[in-house]
Amino acid sequence: MSASQVTLPAGLLAALKIALLAALGIAHRVYWHGGIDITYVVFAVFLSTNLVICFWEICLFFRRDYIESRFAYWQQQRLHTRRSPALAFLTTKVPLRSAFSPTVWADVWAAYSVYDGSYADRRTYGFNVDVGNGFVTAIPTLILYTTFTTEFLSPLAAGILGVMFFWQWTYATSIYLLSFFIAKRHRDIGRGEVYGMILGFNAPWIVVPLLGLYVSIRLAVDGSYSVLGG
């Protein structure tokens, strides 16, 4: 079997991308500092995850017509198989040659739209805030990750940048969750799906950025990277 014929479950493929990105930073910290701090590891994983999701969110914009049409497919699959669309997507086999296919990763949003239909409707806050996150925060995420790893920016500059973007993630995600419940979309899905798919998937973008605000303020006030084990 050639490399182009190898397939992996979509969830495993996404996890491997995140793990590789996080491992690059962790390995650098271990080599240059002789060890790592758990706080740094949290941000290595979070920022790596956000980089991967930024790509998905850019796919959300460029494949919005496909997502709106594909939404019906996942709805029908759920009705006929009683299987979670999220689980069905994550176990879908993806050829390695399609590892960065916009159409493949746009399907993330089509499946998620079964739980929150706003991602199949370009007029909604959920759709537009995630598209905005993809285009606006990809480069700052890469800069934050790089400076948390290599300390190439001054602690003050890193702290200011961190406060800006960790607050943005906290605020945008909080408003998304609020809009979900105000629009009563939780009534269209089960309680377990509300906790697992909506709250569970979005909580890290509030909890970790709140920690990020603390770390960023410490960077600026302390004038050192000691809060990250530097």
C-alpha atoms as a PDB file:
ATOM      1  CA  MET A   1       0.000   0.000   0.000  1.00  0.00           C
ATOM      2  CA  SER A   2       1.421   3.389  -0.993  1.00  0.00           C
ATOM      3  CA  ALA A   3       1.497   6.348   1.406  1.00  0.00           C
ATOM      4  CA  SER A   4      -1.237   8.024  -0.640  1.00  0.00           C
ATOM      5  CA  GLN A   5      -3.554   5.068   0.056  1.00  0.00           C
ATOM      6  CA  VAL A   6      -3.111   5.131   3.845  1.00  0.00           C
ATOM      7  CA  THR A   7      -6.176   6.311   5.745  1.00  0.00           C
ATOM      8  CA  LEU A   8      -6.667   7.432   9.335  1.00  0.00           C
ATOM      9  CA  PRO A   9      -9.796   8.320  11.331  1.00  0.00           C
ATOM     10  CA  ALA A  10     -10.413  12.066  11.128  1.00  0.00           C
ATOM     11  CA  GLY A  11     -10.248  12.412  14.913  1.00  0.00           C
ATOM     12  CA  LEU A  12      -6.895  10.645  15.114  1.00  0.00           C
ATOM     13  CA  LEU A  13      -5.514  12.708  12.243  1.00  0.00           C
ATOM     14  CA  ALA A  14      -6.532  15.950  13.981  1.00  0.00           C
ATOM     15  CA  ALA A  15      -5.068  14.724  17.290  1.00  0.00           C
ATOM     16  CA  LEU A  16      -1.774  13.854  15.604  1.00  0.00           C
ATOM     17  CA  LYS A  17      -1.509  17.346  14.110  1.00  0.00           C
ATOM     18  CA  ILE A  18      -2.116  18.910  17.531  1.00  0.00           C
ATOM     19  CA  ALA A  19       0.308  16.515  19.217  1.00  0.00           C
ATOM     20  CA  LEU A  20       3.034  17.262  16.669  1.00  0.00           C
ATOM     21  CA  LEU A  21       2.650  21.025  17.046  1.00  0.00           C
ATOM     22  CA  ALA A  22       2.654  20.769  20.857  1.00  0.00           C
ATOM     23  CA  ALA A  23       5.610  18.349  20.853  1.00  0.00           C
ATOM     24  CA  LEU A  24       7.743  20.817  18.884  1.00  0.00           C
ATOM     25  CA  GLY A  25       7.361  23.440  21.611  1.00  0.00           C
ATOM     26  CA  ILE A  26       7.700  21.007  24.503  1.00  0.00           C
ATOM     27  CA  ALA A  27      10.865  19.490  23.016  1.00  0.00           C
ATOM     28  CA  HIS A  28      12.370  22.956  22.605  1.00  0.00           C
ATOM     29  CA  ARG A  29      11.631  23.851  26.224  1.00  0.00           C
ATOM     30  CA  VAL A  30      13.102  20.592  27.489  1.00  0.00           C
ATOM     31  CA  TYR A  31      16.260  21.072  25.400  1.00  0.00           C
ATOM     32  CA  TRP A  32      16.898  24.716  26.310  1.00  0.00           C
ATOM     33  CA  HIS A  33      15.540  24.785  29.875  1.00  0.00           C
ATOM     34  CA  GLY A  34      16.200  21.235  31.003  1.00  0.00           C
ATOM     35  CA  GLY A  35      12.550  20.662  31.829  1.00  0.00           C
ATOM     36  CA  ILE A  36       9.036  21.993  31.382  1.00  0.00           C
ATOM     37  CA  ASP A  37       6.390  23.607  33.541  1.00  0.00           C
ATOM     38  CA  ILE A  38       2.832  22.215  33.514  1.00  0.00           C
ATOM     39  CA  THR A  39       1.486  25.710  32.808  1.00  0.00           C
ATOM     40  CA  TYR A  40       3.566  25.855  29.648  1.00  0.00           C
ATOM     41  CA  VAL A  41       2.294  22.414  28.568  1.00  0.00           C
ATOM     42  CA  VAL A  42      -1.324  23.599  28.945  1.00  0.00           C
ATOM     43  CA  PHE A  43      -0.651  26.519  26.609  1.00  0.00           C
ATOM     44  CA  ALA A  44       1.374  24.408  24.163  1.00  0.00           C
ATOM     45  CA  VAL A  45      -1.616  22.089  23.740  1.00  0.00           C
ATOM     46  CA  PHE A  46      -4.215  24.886  23.739  1.00  0.00           C
ATOM     47  CA  LEU A  47      -2.415  27.109  21.220  1.00  0.00           C
ATOM     48  CA  SER A  48      -1.606  24.113  19.000  1.00  0.00           C
ATOM     49  CA  THR A  49      -5.287  23.144  19.087  1.00  0.00           C
ATOM     50  CA  ASN A  50      -6.312  26.675  18.204  1.00  0.00           C
ATOM     51  CA  LEU A  51      -3.950  26.691  15.215  1.00  0.00           C
ATOM     52  CA  VAL A  52      -5.593  23.531  13.883  1.00  0.00           C
ATOM     53  CA  ILE A  53      -9.064  24.923  14.528  1.00  0.00           C
ATOM     54  CA  CYS A  54      -8.149  28.224  12.839  1.00  0.00           C
ATOM     55  CA  PHE A  55      -7.592  26.182   9.684  1.00  0.00           C
ATOM     56  CA  TRP A  56     -10.994  24.544  10.148  1.00  0.00           C
ATOM     57  CA  GLU A  57     -12.590  27.972  10.628  1.00  0.00           C
ATOM     58  CA  ILE A  58     -11.038  29.254   7.412  1.00  0.00           C
ATOM     59  CA  CYS A  59     -12.524  26.165   5.739  1.00  0.00           C
ATOM     60  CA  LEU A  60     -15.872  27.162   7.288  1.00  0.00           C
ATOM     61  CA  PHE A  61     -15.744  30.406   5.304  1.00  0.00           C
ATOM     62  CA  PHE A  62     -14.533  29.031   1.982  1.00  0.00           C
ATOM     63  CA  ARG A  63     -16.773  25.942   2.053  1.00  0.00           C
ATOM     64  CA  ARG A  64     -19.898  27.571   3.522  1.00  0.00           C
ATOM     65  CA  ASP A  65     -22.123  26.467   0.600  1.00  0.00           C
ATOM     66  CA  TYR A  66     -20.913  22.887   0.978  1.00  0.00           C
ATOM     67  CA  ILE A  67     -21.577  22.962   4.743  1.00  0.00           C
ATOM     68  CA  GLU A  68     -25.126  24.238   4.262  1.00  0.00           C
ATOM     69  CA  SER A  69     -25.875  21.386   1.845  1.00  0.00           C
ATOM     70  CA  ARG A  70     -23.977  18.735   3.829  1.00  0.00           C
ATOM     71  CA  PHE A  71     -25.921  19.597   7.000  1.00  0.00           C
ATOM     72  CA  ALA A  72     -28.917  17.669   5.632  1.00  0.00           C
ATOM     73  CA  TYR A  73     -26.757  14.576   5.150  1.00  0.00           C
ATOM     74  CA  TRP A  74     -25.686  14.497   8.807  1.00  0.00           C
ATOM     75  CA  GLN A  75     -29.252  15.096   9.956  1.00  0.00           C
ATOM     76  CA  GLN A  76     -30.447  12.101   7.935  1.00  0.00           C
ATOM     77  CA  GLN A  77     -27.576   9.946   9.161  1.00  0.00           C
ATOM     78  CA  ARG A  78     -28.506  10.719  12.735  1.00  0.00           C
ATOM     79  CA  LEU A  79     -32.157   9.844  12.153  1.00  0.00           C
ATOM     80  CA  HIS A  80     -31.400   6.576  10.356  1.00  0.00           C
ATOM     81  CA  THR A  81     -28.490   5.286  12.444  1.00  0.00           C
ATOM     82  CA  ARG A  82     -29.129   6.950  15.837  1.00  0.00           C
ATOM     83  CA  ARG A  83     -25.395   7.563  15.895  1.00  0.00           C
ATOM     84  CA  SER A  84     -23.752  10.781  17.076  1.00  0.00           C
ATOM     85  CA  PRO A  85     -22.738  12.880  14.029  1.00  0.00           C
ATOM     86  CA  ALA A  86     -19.637  14.011  15.926  1.00  0.00           C
ATOM     87  CA  LEU A  87     -18.545  10.437  16.574  1.00  0.00           C
ATOM     88  CA  ALA A  88     -19.401   9.453  13.006  1.00  0.00           C
ATOM     89  CA  PHE A  89     -17.254  12.251  11.614  1.00  0.00           C
ATOM     90  CA  LEU A  90     -14.324  11.617  13.968  1.00  0.00           C
ATOM     91  CA  THR A  91     -14.225   7.943  12.933  1.00  0.00           C
ATOM     92  CA  THR A  92     -14.500   8.698   9.202  1.00  0.00           C
ATOM     93  CA  LYS A  93     -11.409   7.407   7.382  1.00  0.00           C
ATOM     94  CA  VAL A  94      -9.432  10.189   5.703  1.00  0.00           C
ATOM     95  CA  PRO A  95      -6.671   9.450   3.140  1.00  0.00           C
ATOM     96  CA  LEU A  96      -3.339  11.022   4.095  1.00  0.00           C
ATOM     97  CA  ARG A  97      -3.305  12.816   0.752  1.00  0.00           C
ATOM     98  CA  SER A  98      -6.444  14.673   1.971  1.00  0.00           C
ATOM     99  CA  ALA A  99      -5.030  15.563   5.393  1.00  0.00           C
ATOM    100  CA  PHE A 100      -5.316  19.278   4.597  1.00  0.00           C
ATOM    101  CA  SER A 101      -8.357  19.155   2.337  1.00  0.00           C
ATOM    102  CA  PRO A 102     -10.692  22.121   3.038  1.00  0.00           C
ATOM    103  CA  THR A 103     -13.688  19.979   2.093  1.00  0.00           C
ATOM    104  CA  VAL A 104     -12.772  17.247   4.583  1.00  0.00           C
ATOM    105  CA  TRP A 105     -12.436  19.679   7.487  1.00  0.00           C
ATOM    106  CA  ALA A 106     -15.450  21.738   6.478  1.00  0.00           C
ATOM    107  CA  ASP A 107     -17.396  18.579   7.289  1.00  0.00           C
ATOM    108  CA  VAL A 108     -16.534  19.211  10.964  1.00  0.00           C
ATOM    109  CA  TRP A 109     -18.953  22.111  10.859  1.00  0.00           C
ATOM    110  CA  ALA A 110     -21.612  20.256   8.891  1.00  0.00           C
ATOM    111  CA  ALA A 111     -21.641  17.538  11.566  1.00  0.00           C
ATOM    112  CA  TYR A 112     -21.572  20.073  14.415  1.00  0.00           C
ATOM    113  CA  SER A 113     -24.497  21.909  12.802  1.00  0.00           C
ATOM    114  CA  VAL A 114     -26.748  19.033  13.875  1.00  0.00           C
ATOM    115  CA  TYR A 115     -26.182  20.246  17.451  1.00  0.00           C
ATOM    116  CA  ASP A 116     -26.100  23.951  16.613  1.00  0.00           C
ATOM    117  CA  GLY A 117     -27.671  24.938  13.305  1.00  0.00           C
ATOM    118  CA  SER A 118     -26.005  28.354  13.325  1.00  0.00           C
ATOM    119  CA  TYR A 119     -22.957  26.846  11.592  1.00  0.00           C
ATOM    120  CA  ALA A 120     -25.096  26.038   8.576  1.00  0.00           C
ATOM    121  CA  ASP A 121     -26.386  29.624   8.510  1.00  0.00           C
ATOM    122  CA  ARG A 122     -23.896  32.336   7.550  1.00  0.00           C
ATOM    123  CA  ARG A 123     -26.140  35.025   9.074  1.00  0.00           C
ATOM    124  CA  THR A 124     -25.555  33.889  12.658  1.00  0.00           C
ATOM    125  CA  TYR A 125     -23.130  34.982  15.361  1.00  0.00           C
ATOM    126  CA  GLY A 126     -21.709  31.479  15.772  1.00  0.00           C
ATOM    127  CA  PHE A 127     -20.772  31.215  12.104  1.00  0.00           C
ATOM    128  CA  ASN A 128     -19.199  34.662  11.887  1.00  0.00           C
ATOM    129  CA  VAL A 129     -17.351  34.678  15.203  1.00  0.00           C
ATOM    130  CA  ASP A 130     -15.598  31.439  14.292  1.00  0.00           C
ATOM    131  CA  VAL A 131     -14.760  32.646  10.801  1.00  0.00           C
ATOM    132  CA  GLY A 132     -13.334  35.766  12.443  1.00  0.00           C
ATOM    133  CA  ASN A 133     -11.304  33.682  14.875  1.00  0.00           C
ATOM    134  CA  GLY A 134      -9.822  31.699  12.002  1.00  0.00           C
ATOM    135  CA  PHE A 135      -8.645  34.701  10.039  1.00  0.00           C
ATOM    136  CA  VAL A 136      -7.767  37.071  12.900  1.00  0.00           C
ATOM    137  CA  THR A 137      -6.144  34.889  15.548  1.00  0.00           C
ATOM    138  CA  ALA A 138      -4.080  32.389  13.529  1.00  0.00           C
ATOM    139  CA  ILE A 139      -0.976  34.597  13.319  1.00  0.00           C
ATOM    140  CA  PRO A 140      -1.226  35.965  16.897  1.00  0.00           C
ATOM    141  CA  THR A 141      -1.688  32.374  18.122  1.00  0.00           C
ATOM    142  CA  LEU A 142       1.511  31.371  16.324  1.00  0.00           C
ATOM    143  CA  ILE A 143       3.349  34.407  17.764  1.00  0.00           C
ATOM    144  CA  LEU A 144       2.110  33.664  21.305  1.00  0.00           C
ATOM    145  CA  TYR A 145       3.077  30.021  21.022  1.00  0.00           C
ATOM    146  CA  THR A 146       6.508  30.905  19.652  1.00  0.00           C
ATOM    147  CA  THR A 147       7.267  33.503  22.310  1.00  0.00           C
ATOM    148  CA  PHE A 148       5.976  31.300  25.142  1.00  0.00           C
ATOM    149  CA  THR A 149       8.388  28.676  23.795  1.00  0.00           C
ATOM    150  CA  THR A 150      11.461  30.703  22.814  1.00  0.00           C
ATOM    151  CA  GLU A 151      10.888  33.955  24.770  1.00  0.00           C
ATOM    152  CA  PHE A 152      11.788  36.019  21.700  1.00  0.00           C
ATOM    153  CA  LEU A 153       9.515  38.902  22.742  1.00  0.00           C
ATOM    154  CA  SER A 154      10.028  40.895  25.897  1.00  0.00           C
ATOM    155  CA  PRO A 155       7.816  39.698  28.778  1.00  0.00           C
ATOM    156  CA  LEU A 156       5.938  43.015  28.613  1.00  0.00           C
ATOM    157  CA  ALA A 157       5.183  42.651  24.886  1.00  0.00           C
ATOM    158  CA  ALA A 158       4.199  38.993  25.346  1.00  0.00           C
ATOM    159  CA  GLY A 159       1.958  39.945  28.254  1.00  0.00           C
ATOM    160  CA  ILE A 160       0.191  42.701  26.331  1.00  0.00           C
ATOM    161  CA  LEU A 161      -0.394  40.420  23.332  1.00  0.00           C
ATOM    162  CA  GLY A 162      -1.603  37.653  25.634  1.00  0.00           C
ATOM    163  CA  VAL A 163      -4.079  39.888  27.453  1.00  0.00           C
ATOM    164  CA  MET A 164      -5.521  41.061  24.125  1.00  0.00           C
ATOM    165  CA  PHE A 165      -6.125  37.626  22.689  1.00  0.00           C
ATOM    166  CA  PHE A 166      -6.934  35.612  25.807  1.00  0.00           C
ATOM    167  CA  TRP A 167      -9.599  38.183  26.660  1.00  0.00           C
ATOM    168  CA  GLN A 168     -10.937  37.992  23.121  1.00  0.00           C
ATOM    169  CA  TRP A 169     -11.283  34.198  23.353  1.00  0.00           C
ATOM    170  CA  THR A 170     -12.959  34.408  26.762  1.00  0.00           C
ATOM    171  CA  TYR A 171     -15.414  37.073  25.649  1.00  0.00           C
ATOM    172  CA  ALA A 172     -16.264  35.633  22.213  1.00  0.00           C
ATOM    173  CA  THR A 173     -16.844  32.124  23.556  1.00  0.00           C
ATOM    174  CA  SER A 174     -18.956  33.385  26.466  1.00  0.00           C
ATOM    175  CA  ILE A 175     -21.178  35.357  24.087  1.00  0.00           C
ATOM    176  CA  TYR A 176     -21.456  32.337  21.768  1.00  0.00           C
ATOM    177  CA  LEU A 177     -22.693  30.153  24.630  1.00  0.00           C
ATOM    178  CA  LEU A 178     -25.072  32.883  25.771  1.00  0.00           C
ATOM    179  CA  SER A 179     -26.457  33.280  22.235  1.00  0.00           C
ATOM    180  CA  PHE A 180     -26.948  29.500  21.982  1.00  0.00           C
ATOM    181  CA  PHE A 181     -29.192  29.427  25.039  1.00  0.00           C
ATOM    182  CA  ILE A 182     -30.969  32.719  24.328  1.00  0.00           C
ATOM    183  CA  ALA A 183     -31.903  31.371  20.884  1.00  0.00           C
ATOM    184  CA  LYS A 184     -33.209  28.238  22.681  1.00  0.00           C
ATOM    185  CA  ARG A 185     -31.152  25.933  20.460  1.00  0.00           C
ATOM    186  CA  HIS A 186     -30.612  23.697  23.477  1.00  0.00           C
ATOM    187  CA  ARG A 187     -34.244  22.590  23.147  1.00  0.00           C
ATOM    188  CA  ASP A 188     -33.475  20.863  19.833  1.00  0.00           C
ATOM    189  CA  ILE A 189     -30.935  18.427  21.299  1.00  0.00           C
ATOM    190  CA  GLY A 190     -30.617  16.177  24.336  1.00  0.00           C
ATOM    191  CA  ARG A 191     -29.232  17.271  27.681  1.00  0.00           C
ATOM    192  CA  GLY A 192     -26.188  15.027  27.252  1.00  0.00           C
ATOM    193  CA  GLU A 193     -25.429  16.683  23.906  1.00  0.00           C
ATOM    194  CA  VAL A 194     -25.741  20.121  25.471  1.00  0.00           C
ATOM    195  CA  TYR A 195     -23.194  19.201  28.140  1.00  0.00           C
ATOM    196  CA  GLY A 196     -20.923  17.180  25.875  1.00  0.00           C
ATOM    197  CA  MET A 197     -21.026  18.889  22.497  1.00  0.00           C
ATOM    198  CA  ILE A 198     -21.793  22.500  23.392  1.00  0.00           C
ATOM    199  CA  LEU A 199     -20.472  23.131  26.900  1.00  0.00           C
ATOM    200  CA  GLY A 200     -17.763  20.467  26.783  1.00  0.00           C
ATOM    201  CA  PHE A 201     -16.283  21.535  23.464  1.00  0.00           C
ATOM    202  CA  ASN A 202     -16.419  25.260  24.224  1.00  0.00           C
ATOM    203  CA  ALA A 203     -15.430  25.348  27.913  1.00  0.00           C
ATOM    204  CA  PRO A 204     -11.660  25.124  27.183  1.00  0.00           C
ATOM    205  CA  TRP A 205     -11.921  28.404  25.250  1.00  0.00           C
ATOM    206  CA  ILE A 206     -13.063  30.085  28.462  1.00  0.00           C
ATOM    207  CA  VAL A 207     -11.124  28.200  31.144  1.00  0.00           C
ATOM    208  CA  VAL A 208      -7.685  28.205  29.477  1.00  0.00           C
ATOM    209  CA  PRO A 209      -7.917  31.844  28.319  1.00  0.00           C
ATOM    210  CA  LEU A 210      -8.801  32.863  31.894  1.00  0.00           C
ATOM    211  CA  LEU A 211      -5.572  31.182  32.989  1.00  0.00           C
ATOM    212  CA  GLY A 212      -3.923  32.928  30.046  1.00  0.00           C
ATOM    213  CA  LEU A 213      -5.073  36.319  31.323  1.00  0.00           C
ATOM    214  CA  TYR A 214      -3.439  35.603  34.679  1.00  0.00           C
ATOM    215  CA  VAL A 215      -0.215  34.399  33.045  1.00  0.00           C
ATOM    216  CA  SER A 216      -0.122  37.369  30.663  1.00  0.00           C
ATOM    217  CA  ILE A 217      -0.560  39.861  33.508  1.00  0.00           C
ATOM    218  CA  ARG A 218       2.202  38.104  35.425  1.00  0.00           C
ATOM    219  CA  LEU A 219       4.496  38.318  32.387  1.00  0.00           C
ATOM    220  CA  ALA A 220       3.945  42.064  32.130  1.00  0.00           C
ATOM    221  CA  VAL A 221       4.151  42.801  35.866  1.00  0.00           C
ATOM    222  CA  ASP A 222       7.040  40.457  36.717  1.00  0.00           C
ATOM    223  CA  GLY A 223       9.062  41.354  33.647  1.00  0.00           C
ATOM    224  CA  SER A 224      10.117  37.710  33.243  1.00  0.00           C
ATOM    225  CA  TYR A 225       8.928  34.355  31.920  1.00  0.00           C
ATOM    226  CA  SER A 226       9.184  32.713  35.324  1.00  0.00           C
ATOM    227  CA  VAL A 227       5.414  32.082  35.424  1.00  0.00           C
ATOM    228  CA  LEU A 228       5.962  29.666  32.500  1.00  0.00           C
ATOM    229  CA  GLY A 229       8.972  28.052  34.123  1.00  0.00           C
ATOM    230  CA  GLY A 230      11.437  30.262  32.230  1.00  0.00           C
END
